Amino acid sequence: MGIVLLAVCNLLIVLLPLSPPDVPPSIAASPPVPLDGGTPDQRSRIDDYTARVASESFDECLANLNQHEDLLVRVGSRSNEPAPEVQFAICLANRRLAKLFEQLQKMPPAERDRRCREIFRDKFAIHRDEIDVVMTMWEEGTPPRKRHPLPENRNALCAAVFLSAHFCPVEETLRQLDAWKTFGKAFEERAAANPEIPRGYINSLRDQYVFPEPSFEANIYGMILQDRCGVTLTSERVRGGFDLKDGILCRWNAHTNPLDFTHQSGGVPVDTAGNLLEFKYIYTFGPIGLLRPQYKTDVVAKLREQLLACTGTDYKSGPADENITP
């Protein structure tokens, strides 16, 4: 009997398929997703977007940062959070931003510094003026009945700050963020003086467009810390705080970037050849952030303090150069 059992066991060992150690056979046998994976509609949208960017000069690309792009609007739609913060992720998905980044890299330092300051000034003015139009309509008793390009203008403003974070002195990036936040505070004062405007509408404007999101500001500081100080963010997930993802700014003409739906829902691999930037970034503030909003403010303040210390930047908040009236 023992001889028969031994023979059967030996036969089973011969017949069972082999797979890599600790890898389930179903995973080991899965073929890689082809580059044209995902739905044809998803692939077509990406290809059309890339083709538009390919045809644009530097100035055209800059002007079109304020254009509507479906692929940017969809960023954050797969998040499980009730009100996901999307400003930073949209920057990573923005192929025009990536093209401008590549071209700015080729300019002399003084030239790209000057251009980035101009980009911020122009995009901030467009953003500020459009919000003023909307608020004035409410104040005059004629609420806007058509769509205004607030998301597009916000995305362009985020791109401007993102570029400055890499090509301008630290104090210039801090000045830009402070100008944006000062504008937000002026907006809140204006809204408080007009209680007839629905609070839900005001809160939506404030949270999505009027202020930089906490994760956007924190990640701007985190990028500079890694780039200029060699400091990488450390997750606080174990205590319920913020968690990190690998951030990539792909080439503008990369086949697939991490925010494309073909990657997120179709599993198409990210085209990492020639990445412009690689870093860790905050994608969620975790349960603590949901339950205690002050935690987000504390994280931002800590990173800003760390940035000032490690770069030796002597910066004090003061009046911005831009007109901040909302």
C-alpha atoms as a PDB file:
ATOM      1  CA  MET A   1       0.000   0.000   0.000  1.00  0.00           C
ATOM      2  CA  GLY A   2       2.809   2.440   0.897  1.00  0.00           C
ATOM      3  CA  ILE A   3       4.473   1.771  -2.473  1.00  0.00           C
ATOM      4  CA  VAL A   4       1.215   2.626  -4.328  1.00  0.00           C
ATOM      5  CA  LEU A   5       0.761   5.934  -2.425  1.00  0.00           C
ATOM      6  CA  LEU A   6       4.363   6.936  -3.119  1.00  0.00           C
ATOM      7  CA  ALA A   7       3.867   6.276  -6.819  1.00  0.00           C
ATOM      8  CA  VAL A   8       0.681   8.370  -6.929  1.00  0.00           C
ATOM      9  CA  CYS A   9       2.415  11.284  -5.163  1.00  0.00           C
ATOM     10  CA  ASN A  10       5.311  11.148  -7.581  1.00  0.00           C
ATOM     11  CA  LEU A  11       2.857  11.218 -10.491  1.00  0.00           C
ATOM     12  CA  LEU A  12       1.071  14.298  -9.072  1.00  0.00           C
ATOM     13  CA  ILE A  13       4.365  16.124  -8.662  1.00  0.00           C
ATOM     14  CA  VAL A  14       5.180  15.497 -12.310  1.00  0.00           C
ATOM     15  CA  LEU A  15       1.743  16.599 -13.567  1.00  0.00           C
ATOM     16  CA  LEU A  16       1.211  19.780 -11.484  1.00  0.00           C
ATOM     17  CA  PRO A  17       2.234  22.948 -13.426  1.00  0.00           C
ATOM     18  CA  LEU A  18       5.082  24.921 -11.978  1.00  0.00           C
ATOM     19  CA  SER A  19       4.808  28.674 -11.175  1.00  0.00           C
ATOM     20  CA  PRO A  20       7.177  31.188  -9.579  1.00  0.00           C
ATOM     21  CA  PRO A  21       7.454  30.925  -5.784  1.00  0.00           C
ATOM     22  CA  ASP A  22       4.721  32.776  -3.828  1.00  0.00           C
ATOM     23  CA  VAL A  23       2.861  33.747  -7.033  1.00  0.00           C
ATOM     24  CA  PRO A  24      -0.650  32.343  -7.548  1.00  0.00           C
ATOM     25  CA  PRO A  25      -0.812  30.295 -10.771  1.00  0.00           C
ATOM     26  CA  SER A  26      -3.665  32.498 -12.085  1.00  0.00           C
ATOM     27  CA  ILE A  27      -1.466  35.601 -11.832  1.00  0.00           C
ATOM     28  CA  ALA A  28       1.639  33.910 -13.165  1.00  0.00           C
ATOM     29  CA  ALA A  29      -0.286  32.808 -16.250  1.00  0.00           C
ATOM     30  CA  SER A  30      -1.838  36.259 -16.989  1.00  0.00           C
ATOM     31  CA  PRO A  31      -0.485  37.774 -20.216  1.00  0.00           C
ATOM     32  CA  PRO A  32       0.691  41.406 -20.115  1.00  0.00           C
ATOM     33  CA  VAL A  33      -1.881  44.019 -21.092  1.00  0.00           C
ATOM     34  CA  PRO A  34      -1.111  45.306 -24.603  1.00  0.00           C
ATOM     35  CA  LEU A  35      -0.382  48.993 -25.179  1.00  0.00           C
ATOM     36  CA  ASP A  36      -3.661  49.348 -27.042  1.00  0.00           C
ATOM     37  CA  GLY A  37      -5.576  47.948 -24.056  1.00  0.00           C
ATOM     38  CA  GLY A  38      -8.609  49.724 -22.648  1.00  0.00           C
ATOM     39  CA  THR A  39     -11.645  50.687 -24.666  1.00  0.00           C
ATOM     40  CA  PRO A  40     -11.195  52.205 -28.144  1.00  0.00           C
ATOM     41  CA  ASP A  41     -12.945  55.355 -26.910  1.00  0.00           C
ATOM     42  CA  GLN A  42     -10.430  55.798 -24.078  1.00  0.00           C
ATOM     43  CA  ARG A  43      -7.462  55.300 -26.397  1.00  0.00           C
ATOM     44  CA  SER A  44      -8.923  57.667 -28.978  1.00  0.00           C
ATOM     45  CA  ARG A  45      -9.352  60.467 -26.424  1.00  0.00           C
ATOM     46  CA  ILE A  46      -5.730  60.159 -25.308  1.00  0.00           C
ATOM     47  CA  ASP A  47      -4.437  60.094 -28.884  1.00  0.00           C
ATOM     48  CA  ASP A  48      -6.536  63.129 -29.849  1.00  0.00           C
ATOM     49  CA  TYR A  49      -5.326  65.063 -26.794  1.00  0.00           C
ATOM     50  CA  THR A  50      -1.680  64.216 -27.556  1.00  0.00           C
ATOM     51  CA  ALA A  51      -2.105  65.219 -31.194  1.00  0.00           C
ATOM     52  CA  ARG A  52      -3.471  68.626 -30.198  1.00  0.00           C
ATOM     53  CA  VAL A  53      -0.528  69.218 -27.870  1.00  0.00           C
ATOM     54  CA  ALA A  54       1.934  68.077 -30.559  1.00  0.00           C
ATOM     55  CA  SER A  55       0.692  70.760 -32.964  1.00  0.00           C
ATOM     56  CA  GLU A  56       1.086  73.642 -30.483  1.00  0.00           C
ATOM     57  CA  SER A  57       3.979  76.076 -30.135  1.00  0.00           C
ATOM     58  CA  PHE A  58       5.142  77.148 -26.665  1.00  0.00           C
ATOM     59  CA  ASP A  59       2.823  80.173 -26.626  1.00  0.00           C
ATOM     60  CA  GLU A  60      -0.113  78.208 -28.024  1.00  0.00           C
ATOM     61  CA  CYS A  61       0.409  75.481 -25.454  1.00  0.00           C
ATOM     62  CA  LEU A  62       0.531  78.114 -22.737  1.00  0.00           C
ATOM     63  CA  ALA A  63      -2.685  79.787 -23.902  1.00  0.00           C
ATOM     64  CA  ASN A  64      -4.461  76.437 -24.196  1.00  0.00           C
ATOM     65  CA  LEU A  65      -3.785  75.531 -20.585  1.00  0.00           C
ATOM     66  CA  ASN A  66      -7.138  77.254 -20.053  1.00  0.00           C
ATOM     67  CA  GLN A  67      -8.925  75.048 -22.585  1.00  0.00           C
ATOM     68  CA  HIS A  68     -11.353  72.314 -21.557  1.00  0.00           C
ATOM     69  CA  GLU A  69      -9.937  68.782 -21.658  1.00  0.00           C
ATOM     70  CA  ASP A  70     -12.175  65.823 -20.823  1.00  0.00           C
ATOM     71  CA  LEU A  71      -9.225  63.759 -19.596  1.00  0.00           C
ATOM     72  CA  LEU A  72      -8.383  66.357 -16.930  1.00  0.00           C
ATOM     73  CA  VAL A  73     -11.989  66.712 -15.783  1.00  0.00           C
ATOM     74  CA  ARG A  74     -12.116  62.965 -15.134  1.00  0.00           C
ATOM     75  CA  VAL A  75      -9.116  62.943 -12.788  1.00  0.00           C
ATOM     76  CA  GLY A  76     -10.293  61.961  -9.320  1.00  0.00           C
ATOM     77  CA  SER A  77     -13.482  60.298 -10.532  1.00  0.00           C
ATOM     78  CA  ARG A  78     -12.225  56.888  -9.362  1.00  0.00           C
ATOM     79  CA  SER A  79     -11.462  58.080  -5.833  1.00  0.00           C
ATOM     80  CA  ASN A  80     -13.329  56.520  -2.906  1.00  0.00           C
ATOM     81  CA  GLU A  81     -13.189  59.735  -0.876  1.00  0.00           C
ATOM     82  CA  PRO A  82     -16.365  61.842  -0.578  1.00  0.00           C
ATOM     83  CA  ALA A  83     -14.613  65.027  -1.773  1.00  0.00           C
ATOM     84  CA  PRO A  84     -11.305  64.038  -3.378  1.00  0.00           C
ATOM     85  CA  GLU A  85      -8.629  66.682  -3.781  1.00  0.00           C
ATOM     86  CA  VAL A  86      -7.593  66.712  -7.431  1.00  0.00           C
ATOM     87  CA  GLN A  87      -5.491  69.811  -8.113  1.00  0.00           C
ATOM     88  CA  PHE A  88      -2.116  68.090  -7.881  1.00  0.00           C
ATOM     89  CA  ALA A  89      -3.154  64.930  -9.719  1.00  0.00           C
ATOM     90  CA  ILE A  90      -4.485  67.061 -12.578  1.00  0.00           C
ATOM     91  CA  CYS A  91      -1.007  68.566 -12.944  1.00  0.00           C
ATOM     92  CA  LEU A  92       0.465  65.089 -13.396  1.00  0.00           C
ATOM     93  CA  ALA A  93      -2.161  64.285 -16.036  1.00  0.00           C
ATOM     94  CA  ASN A  94      -1.698  67.573 -17.901  1.00  0.00           C
ATOM     95  CA  ARG A  95       0.231  66.928 -21.123  1.00  0.00           C
ATOM     96  CA  ARG A  96       0.473  70.634 -21.907  1.00  0.00           C
ATOM     97  CA  LEU A  97       2.137  71.218 -18.551  1.00  0.00           C
ATOM     98  CA  ALA A  98       4.613  68.433 -19.390  1.00  0.00           C
ATOM     99  CA  LYS A  99       5.409  69.981 -22.782  1.00  0.00           C
ATOM    100  CA  LEU A 100       5.983  73.401 -21.223  1.00  0.00           C
ATOM    101  CA  PHE A 101       8.175  71.749 -18.570  1.00  0.00           C
ATOM    102  CA  GLU A 102      10.332  70.117 -21.258  1.00  0.00           C
ATOM    103  CA  GLN A 103      10.751  73.370 -23.150  1.00  0.00           C
ATOM    104  CA  LEU A 104      11.474  75.422 -20.028  1.00  0.00           C
ATOM    105  CA  GLN A 105      14.233  72.951 -19.136  1.00  0.00           C
ATOM    106  CA  LYS A 106      16.064  73.986 -22.319  1.00  0.00           C
ATOM    107  CA  MET A 107      16.012  77.706 -21.481  1.00  0.00           C
ATOM    108  CA  PRO A 108      18.713  79.554 -19.521  1.00  0.00           C
ATOM    109  CA  PRO A 109      17.830  79.732 -15.781  1.00  0.00           C
ATOM    110  CA  ALA A 110      17.107  83.471 -15.806  1.00  0.00           C
ATOM    111  CA  GLU A 111      14.806  83.123 -18.827  1.00  0.00           C
ATOM    112  CA  ARG A 112      12.740  80.277 -17.408  1.00  0.00           C
ATOM    113  CA  ASP A 113      12.475  82.080 -14.070  1.00  0.00           C
ATOM    114  CA  ARG A 114      11.109  85.148 -15.845  1.00  0.00           C
ATOM    115  CA  ARG A 115       8.717  83.106 -17.974  1.00  0.00           C
ATOM    116  CA  CYS A 116       7.325  81.213 -14.985  1.00  0.00           C
ATOM    117  CA  ARG A 117       6.637  84.445 -13.110  1.00  0.00           C
ATOM    118  CA  GLU A 118       4.793  85.764 -16.167  1.00  0.00           C
ATOM    119  CA  ILE A 119       2.828  82.532 -16.520  1.00  0.00           C
ATOM    120  CA  PHE A 120       1.648  82.740 -12.921  1.00  0.00           C
ATOM    121  CA  ARG A 121       0.727  86.411 -13.193  1.00  0.00           C
ATOM    122  CA  ASP A 122      -1.336  85.819 -16.334  1.00  0.00           C
ATOM    123  CA  LYS A 123      -3.086  82.649 -15.166  1.00  0.00           C
ATOM    124  CA  PHE A 124      -3.833  84.118 -11.745  1.00  0.00           C
ATOM    125  CA  ALA A 125      -5.408  87.190 -13.369  1.00  0.00           C
ATOM    126  CA  ILE A 126      -7.624  85.037 -15.621  1.00  0.00           C
ATOM    127  CA  HIS A 127      -8.708  82.890 -12.671  1.00  0.00           C
ATOM    128  CA  ARG A 128      -9.359  85.866 -10.411  1.00  0.00           C
ATOM    129  CA  ASP A 129     -11.274  87.852 -13.048  1.00  0.00           C
ATOM    130  CA  GLU A 130     -13.615  84.981 -13.955  1.00  0.00           C
ATOM    131  CA  ILE A 131     -14.543  84.433 -10.311  1.00  0.00           C
ATOM    132  CA  ASP A 132     -15.198  88.163 -10.049  1.00  0.00           C
ATOM    133  CA  VAL A 133     -17.592  87.920 -13.012  1.00  0.00           C
ATOM    134  CA  VAL A 134     -19.507  85.088 -11.336  1.00  0.00           C
ATOM    135  CA  MET A 135     -19.700  86.826  -7.967  1.00  0.00           C
ATOM    136  CA  THR A 136     -20.819  90.114  -9.547  1.00  0.00           C
ATOM    137  CA  MET A 137     -23.665  88.340 -11.341  1.00  0.00           C
ATOM    138  CA  TRP A 138     -24.907  86.909  -8.055  1.00  0.00           C
ATOM    139  CA  GLU A 139     -24.605  90.273  -6.320  1.00  0.00           C
ATOM    140  CA  GLU A 140     -26.631  91.948  -9.080  1.00  0.00           C
ATOM    141  CA  GLY A 141     -29.387  89.366  -8.778  1.00  0.00           C
ATOM    142  CA  THR A 142     -28.657  87.621 -12.063  1.00  0.00           C
ATOM    143  CA  PRO A 143     -27.138  84.237 -11.154  1.00  0.00           C
ATOM    144  CA  PRO A 144     -25.037  82.747 -13.979  1.00  0.00           C
ATOM    145  CA  ARG A 145     -27.078  80.467 -16.235  1.00  0.00           C
ATOM    146  CA  LYS A 146     -24.254  79.286 -18.446  1.00  0.00           C
ATOM    147  CA  ARG A 147     -21.149  77.351 -17.558  1.00  0.00           C
ATOM    148  CA  HIS A 148     -18.064  79.392 -16.660  1.00  0.00           C
ATOM    149  CA  PRO A 149     -14.523  77.996 -17.179  1.00  0.00           C
ATOM    150  CA  LEU A 150     -13.650  77.893 -13.479  1.00  0.00           C
ATOM    151  CA  PRO A 151     -12.200  74.327 -13.551  1.00  0.00           C
ATOM    152  CA  GLU A 152     -10.065  75.102 -16.608  1.00  0.00           C
ATOM    153  CA  ASN A 153      -8.753  78.354 -15.127  1.00  0.00           C
ATOM    154  CA  ARG A 154      -7.962  76.625 -11.847  1.00  0.00           C
ATOM    155  CA  ASN A 155      -6.084  73.869 -13.680  1.00  0.00           C
ATOM    156  CA  ALA A 156      -4.020  76.484 -15.535  1.00  0.00           C
ATOM    157  CA  LEU A 157      -3.230  78.272 -12.276  1.00  0.00           C
ATOM    158  CA  CYS A 158      -2.139  74.991 -10.675  1.00  0.00           C
ATOM    159  CA  ALA A 159       0.116  74.330 -13.667  1.00  0.00           C
ATOM    160  CA  ALA A 160       1.675  77.780 -13.256  1.00  0.00           C
ATOM    161  CA  VAL A 161       2.542  77.159  -9.590  1.00  0.00           C
ATOM    162  CA  PHE A 162       3.819  73.653 -10.420  1.00  0.00           C
ATOM    163  CA  LEU A 163       6.227  75.062 -13.027  1.00  0.00           C
ATOM    164  CA  SER A 164       7.415  77.832 -10.707  1.00  0.00           C
ATOM    165  CA  ALA A 165       8.158  75.249  -8.014  1.00  0.00           C
ATOM    166  CA  HIS A 166      10.814  73.778 -10.311  1.00  0.00           C
ATOM    167  CA  PHE A 167      12.200  76.788 -12.129  1.00  0.00           C
ATOM    168  CA  CYS A 168      11.950  79.694  -9.667  1.00  0.00           C
ATOM    169  CA  PRO A 169      13.541  80.440  -6.281  1.00  0.00           C
ATOM    170  CA  VAL A 170      11.663  78.989  -3.312  1.00  0.00           C
ATOM    171  CA  GLU A 171      10.476  82.398  -2.135  1.00  0.00           C
ATOM    172  CA  GLU A 172       8.743  83.019  -5.481  1.00  0.00           C
ATOM    173  CA  THR A 173       6.704  79.829  -5.163  1.00  0.00           C
ATOM    174  CA  LEU A 174       5.778  80.746  -1.593  1.00  0.00           C
ATOM    175  CA  ARG A 175       4.753  84.221  -2.768  1.00  0.00           C
ATOM    176  CA  GLN A 176       2.500  82.724  -5.436  1.00  0.00           C
ATOM    177  CA  LEU A 177       0.784  80.377  -2.997  1.00  0.00           C
ATOM    178  CA  ASP A 178       0.344  83.221  -0.504  1.00  0.00           C
ATOM    179  CA  ALA A 179      -1.181  85.446  -3.217  1.00  0.00           C
ATOM    180  CA  TRP A 180      -3.664  82.682  -4.060  1.00  0.00           C
ATOM    181  CA  LYS A 181      -4.599  82.197  -0.391  1.00  0.00           C
ATOM    182  CA  THR A 182      -4.908  85.957   0.177  1.00  0.00           C
ATOM    183  CA  PHE A 183      -7.323  86.057  -2.742  1.00  0.00           C
ATOM    184  CA  GLY A 184      -9.271  83.251  -1.089  1.00  0.00           C
ATOM    185  CA  LYS A 185      -9.593  85.160   2.164  1.00  0.00           C
ATOM    186  CA  ALA A 186     -10.828  88.243   0.305  1.00  0.00           C
ATOM    187  CA  PHE A 187     -13.390  86.030  -1.448  1.00  0.00           C
ATOM    188  CA  GLU A 188     -14.646  84.756   1.909  1.00  0.00           C
ATOM    189  CA  GLU A 189     -15.099  88.313   3.159  1.00  0.00           C
ATOM    190  CA  ARG A 190     -16.994  89.246  -0.003  1.00  0.00           C
ATOM    191  CA  ALA A 191     -19.206  86.175   0.289  1.00  0.00           C
ATOM    192  CA  ALA A 192     -19.960  86.912   3.955  1.00  0.00           C
ATOM    193  CA  ALA A 193     -21.150  90.386   2.948  1.00  0.00           C
ATOM    194  CA  ASN A 194     -23.644  88.816   0.520  1.00  0.00           C
ATOM    195  CA  PRO A 195     -25.706  86.302   2.533  1.00  0.00           C
ATOM    196  CA  GLU A 196     -28.273  86.066  -0.280  1.00  0.00           C
ATOM    197  CA  ILE A 197     -25.836  83.957  -2.312  1.00  0.00           C
ATOM    198  CA  PRO A 198     -26.532  80.269  -1.503  1.00  0.00           C
ATOM    199  CA  ARG A 199     -24.011  78.958   1.013  1.00  0.00           C
ATOM    200  CA  GLY A 200     -23.728  75.653  -0.780  1.00  0.00           C
ATOM    201  CA  TYR A 201     -22.629  77.440  -3.939  1.00  0.00           C
ATOM    202  CA  ILE A 202     -20.143  79.580  -2.041  1.00  0.00           C
ATOM    203  CA  ASN A 203     -18.688  76.537  -0.276  1.00  0.00           C
ATOM    204  CA  SER A 204     -18.288  74.723  -3.590  1.00  0.00           C
ATOM    205  CA  LEU A 205     -16.443  77.685  -5.121  1.00  0.00           C
ATOM    206  CA  ARG A 206     -14.236  78.022  -2.073  1.00  0.00           C
ATOM    207  CA  ASP A 207     -13.289  74.364  -1.814  1.00  0.00           C
ATOM    208  CA  GLN A 208     -12.708  73.681  -5.516  1.00  0.00           C
ATOM    209  CA  TYR A 209     -11.409  76.915  -7.004  1.00  0.00           C
ATOM    210  CA  VAL A 210     -10.788  79.812  -4.647  1.00  0.00           C
ATOM    211  CA  PHE A 211      -8.039  78.266  -2.500  1.00  0.00           C
ATOM    212  CA  PRO A 212      -5.199  75.881  -3.274  1.00  0.00           C
ATOM    213  CA  GLU A 213      -6.149  72.472  -1.868  1.00  0.00           C
ATOM    214  CA  PRO A 214      -4.110  71.367   1.152  1.00  0.00           C
ATOM    215  CA  SER A 215      -2.736  68.360  -0.729  1.00  0.00           C
ATOM    216  CA  PHE A 216      -1.691  70.607  -3.637  1.00  0.00           C
ATOM    217  CA  GLU A 217       0.230  72.961  -1.365  1.00  0.00           C
ATOM    218  CA  ALA A 218       1.732  70.082   0.636  1.00  0.00           C
ATOM    219  CA  ASN A 219       2.877  68.300  -2.521  1.00  0.00           C
ATOM    220  CA  ILE A 220       4.425  71.448  -3.975  1.00  0.00           C
ATOM    221  CA  TYR A 221       6.517  71.683  -0.808  1.00  0.00           C
ATOM    222  CA  GLY A 222       7.257  67.963  -0.932  1.00  0.00           C
ATOM    223  CA  MET A 223       8.516  68.171  -4.516  1.00  0.00           C
ATOM    224  CA  ILE A 224      10.839  71.046  -3.696  1.00  0.00           C
ATOM    225  CA  LEU A 225      12.088  69.239  -0.589  1.00  0.00           C
ATOM    226  CA  GLN A 226      13.025  66.200  -2.654  1.00  0.00           C
ATOM    227  CA  ASP A 227      14.489  68.214  -5.538  1.00  0.00           C
ATOM    228  CA  ARG A 228      16.572  70.696  -3.535  1.00  0.00           C
ATOM    229  CA  CYS A 229      17.134  68.992  -0.195  1.00  0.00           C
ATOM    230  CA  GLY A 230      17.004  65.283  -1.032  1.00  0.00           C
ATOM    231  CA  VAL A 231      14.196  64.820   1.502  1.00  0.00           C
ATOM    232  CA  THR A 232      11.462  62.302   0.616  1.00  0.00           C
ATOM    233  CA  LEU A 233       8.041  62.418   2.266  1.00  0.00           C
ATOM    234  CA  THR A 234       7.298  59.637   4.748  1.00  0.00           C
ATOM    235  CA  SER A 235       3.816  58.139   4.998  1.00  0.00           C
ATOM    236  CA  GLU A 236       1.770  58.554   8.184  1.00  0.00           C
ATOM    237  CA  ARG A 237      -0.671  55.813   7.192  1.00  0.00           C
ATOM    238  CA  VAL A 238       0.105  53.607  10.207  1.00  0.00           C
ATOM    239  CA  ARG A 239      -1.447  56.200  12.507  1.00  0.00           C
ATOM    240  CA  GLY A 240      -4.336  57.007  10.184  1.00  0.00           C
ATOM    241  CA  GLY A 241      -2.697  60.007   8.518  1.00  0.00           C
ATOM    242  CA  PHE A 242      -1.655  60.840   4.983  1.00  0.00           C
ATOM    243  CA  ASP A 243      -0.494  58.158   2.581  1.00  0.00           C
ATOM    244  CA  LEU A 244       1.759  58.380  -0.453  1.00  0.00           C
ATOM    245  CA  LYS A 245       1.914  57.268  -4.060  1.00  0.00           C
ATOM    246  CA  ASP A 246       4.751  57.206  -6.561  1.00  0.00           C
ATOM    247  CA  GLY A 247       4.382  60.418  -8.533  1.00  0.00           C
ATOM    248  CA  ILE A 248       5.475  60.591 -12.159  1.00  0.00           C
ATOM    249  CA  LEU A 249       5.422  63.481 -14.597  1.00  0.00           C
ATOM    250  CA  CYS A 250       5.670  61.651 -17.904  1.00  0.00           C
ATOM    251  CA  ARG A 251       6.757  63.125 -21.210  1.00  0.00           C
ATOM    252  CA  TRP A 252       3.932  65.040 -22.876  1.00  0.00           C
ATOM    253  CA  ASN A 253       3.800  62.451 -25.670  1.00  0.00           C
ATOM    254  CA  ALA A 254       4.066  59.386 -23.436  1.00  0.00           C
ATOM    255  CA  HIS A 255       1.782  56.621 -24.681  1.00  0.00           C
ATOM    256  CA  THR A 256       0.139  56.195 -21.262  1.00  0.00           C
ATOM    257  CA  ASN A 257       0.528  58.140 -18.036  1.00  0.00           C
ATOM    258  CA  PRO A 258      -0.563  57.019 -14.534  1.00  0.00           C
ATOM    259  CA  LEU A 259      -3.761  59.096 -14.599  1.00  0.00           C
ATOM    260  CA  ASP A 260      -4.992  57.830 -17.971  1.00  0.00           C
ATOM    261  CA  PHE A 261      -8.102  55.657 -17.751  1.00  0.00           C
ATOM    262  CA  THR A 262      -6.439  53.073 -19.979  1.00  0.00           C
ATOM    263  CA  HIS A 263      -3.983  52.510 -17.122  1.00  0.00           C
ATOM    264  CA  GLN A 264      -6.330  52.955 -14.172  1.00  0.00           C
ATOM    265  CA  SER A 265      -9.179  50.834 -15.493  1.00  0.00           C
ATOM    266  CA  GLY A 266      -7.594  48.913 -18.363  1.00  0.00           C
ATOM    267  CA  GLY A 267      -4.252  48.006 -16.805  1.00  0.00           C
ATOM    268  CA  VAL A 268      -2.175  49.395 -19.680  1.00  0.00           C
ATOM    269  CA  PRO A 269       1.409  49.865 -18.408  1.00  0.00           C
ATOM    270  CA  VAL A 270       2.655  53.407 -17.839  1.00  0.00           C
ATOM    271  CA  ASP A 271       5.123  54.678 -20.424  1.00  0.00           C
ATOM    272  CA  THR A 272       8.002  55.564 -18.077  1.00  0.00           C
ATOM    273  CA  ALA A 273      10.684  56.120 -20.719  1.00  0.00           C
ATOM    274  CA  GLY A 274      12.215  59.550 -20.233  1.00  0.00           C
ATOM    275  CA  ASN A 275      10.144  60.548 -17.198  1.00  0.00           C
ATOM    276  CA  LEU A 276      10.503  64.242 -16.412  1.00  0.00           C
ATOM    277  CA  LEU A 277      10.016  63.853 -12.648  1.00  0.00           C
ATOM    278  CA  GLU A 278       9.702  61.037 -10.118  1.00  0.00           C
ATOM    279  CA  PHE A 279       8.770  61.612  -6.475  1.00  0.00           C
ATOM    280  CA  LYS A 280       6.454  60.599  -3.651  1.00  0.00           C
ATOM    281  CA  TYR A 281       3.249  62.568  -3.266  1.00  0.00           C
ATOM    282  CA  ILE A 282       0.298  62.711  -0.870  1.00  0.00           C
ATOM    283  CA  TYR A 283      -2.840  61.271  -2.469  1.00  0.00           C
ATOM    284  CA  THR A 284      -4.970  61.082   0.680  1.00  0.00           C
ATOM    285  CA  PHE A 285      -4.901  62.560   4.167  1.00  0.00           C
ATOM    286  CA  GLY A 286      -6.418  59.340   5.515  1.00  0.00           C
ATOM    287  CA  PRO A 287      -9.089  58.927   8.202  1.00  0.00           C
ATOM    288  CA  ILE A 288      -7.562  61.671  10.345  1.00  0.00           C
ATOM    289  CA  GLY A 289      -7.901  64.152   7.498  1.00  0.00           C
ATOM    290  CA  LEU A 290     -11.572  63.283   7.071  1.00  0.00           C
ATOM    291  CA  LEU A 291     -12.377  63.556  10.764  1.00  0.00           C
ATOM    292  CA  ARG A 292     -10.124  66.487  11.667  1.00  0.00           C
ATOM    293  CA  PRO A 293      -9.546  69.041   8.869  1.00  0.00           C
ATOM    294  CA  GLN A 294      -7.004  70.861  11.038  1.00  0.00           C
ATOM    295  CA  TYR A 295      -4.681  67.894  10.441  1.00  0.00           C
ATOM    296  CA  LYS A 296      -4.330  68.943   6.792  1.00  0.00           C
ATOM    297  CA  THR A 297      -3.420  72.481   7.834  1.00  0.00           C
ATOM    298  CA  ASP A 298      -0.856  71.131  10.291  1.00  0.00           C
ATOM    299  CA  VAL A 299       0.777  68.930   7.627  1.00  0.00           C
ATOM    300  CA  VAL A 300       1.047  71.858   5.207  1.00  0.00           C
ATOM    301  CA  ALA A 301       2.543  74.131   7.894  1.00  0.00           C
ATOM    302  CA  LYS A 302       5.064  71.477   8.942  1.00  0.00           C
ATOM    303  CA  LEU A 303       6.254  70.894   5.379  1.00  0.00           C
ATOM    304  CA  ARG A 304       6.532  74.614   4.721  1.00  0.00           C
ATOM    305  CA  GLU A 305       8.593  75.088   7.880  1.00  0.00           C
ATOM    306  CA  GLN A 306      10.807  72.159   6.903  1.00  0.00           C
ATOM    307  CA  LEU A 307      11.290  73.618   3.417  1.00  0.00           C
ATOM    308  CA  LEU A 308      12.306  77.025   4.761  1.00  0.00           C
ATOM    309  CA  ALA A 309      14.771  75.438   7.161  1.00  0.00           C
ATOM    310  CA  CYS A 310      16.424  73.044   4.724  1.00  0.00           C
ATOM    311  CA  THR A 311      16.798  75.595   1.900  1.00  0.00           C
ATOM    312  CA  GLY A 312      17.808  78.439   4.203  1.00  0.00           C
ATOM    313  CA  THR A 313      15.110  80.615   2.659  1.00  0.00           C
ATOM    314  CA  ASP A 314      14.486  83.912   4.422  1.00  0.00           C
ATOM    315  CA  TYR A 315      10.882  84.608   3.498  1.00  0.00           C
ATOM    316  CA  LYS A 316       8.161  86.505   5.305  1.00  0.00           C
ATOM    317  CA  SER A 317       4.599  86.641   4.052  1.00  0.00           C
ATOM    318  CA  GLY A 318       3.598  90.068   2.849  1.00  0.00           C
ATOM    319  CA  PRO A 319       1.390  91.851   0.343  1.00  0.00           C
ATOM    320  CA  ALA A 320       1.443  90.134  -3.038  1.00  0.00           C
ATOM    321  CA  ASP A 321       2.359  92.009  -6.194  1.00  0.00           C
ATOM    322  CA  GLU A 322      -0.882  90.903  -7.880  1.00  0.00           C
ATOM    323  CA  ASN A 323      -4.222  92.598  -7.343  1.00  0.00           C
ATOM    324  CA  ILE A 324      -6.006  90.074  -5.127  1.00  0.00           C
ATOM    325  CA  THR A 325      -9.498  91.638  -5.109  1.00  0.00           C
ATOM    326  CA  PRO A 326     -11.985  88.832  -5.883  1.00  0.00           C
END
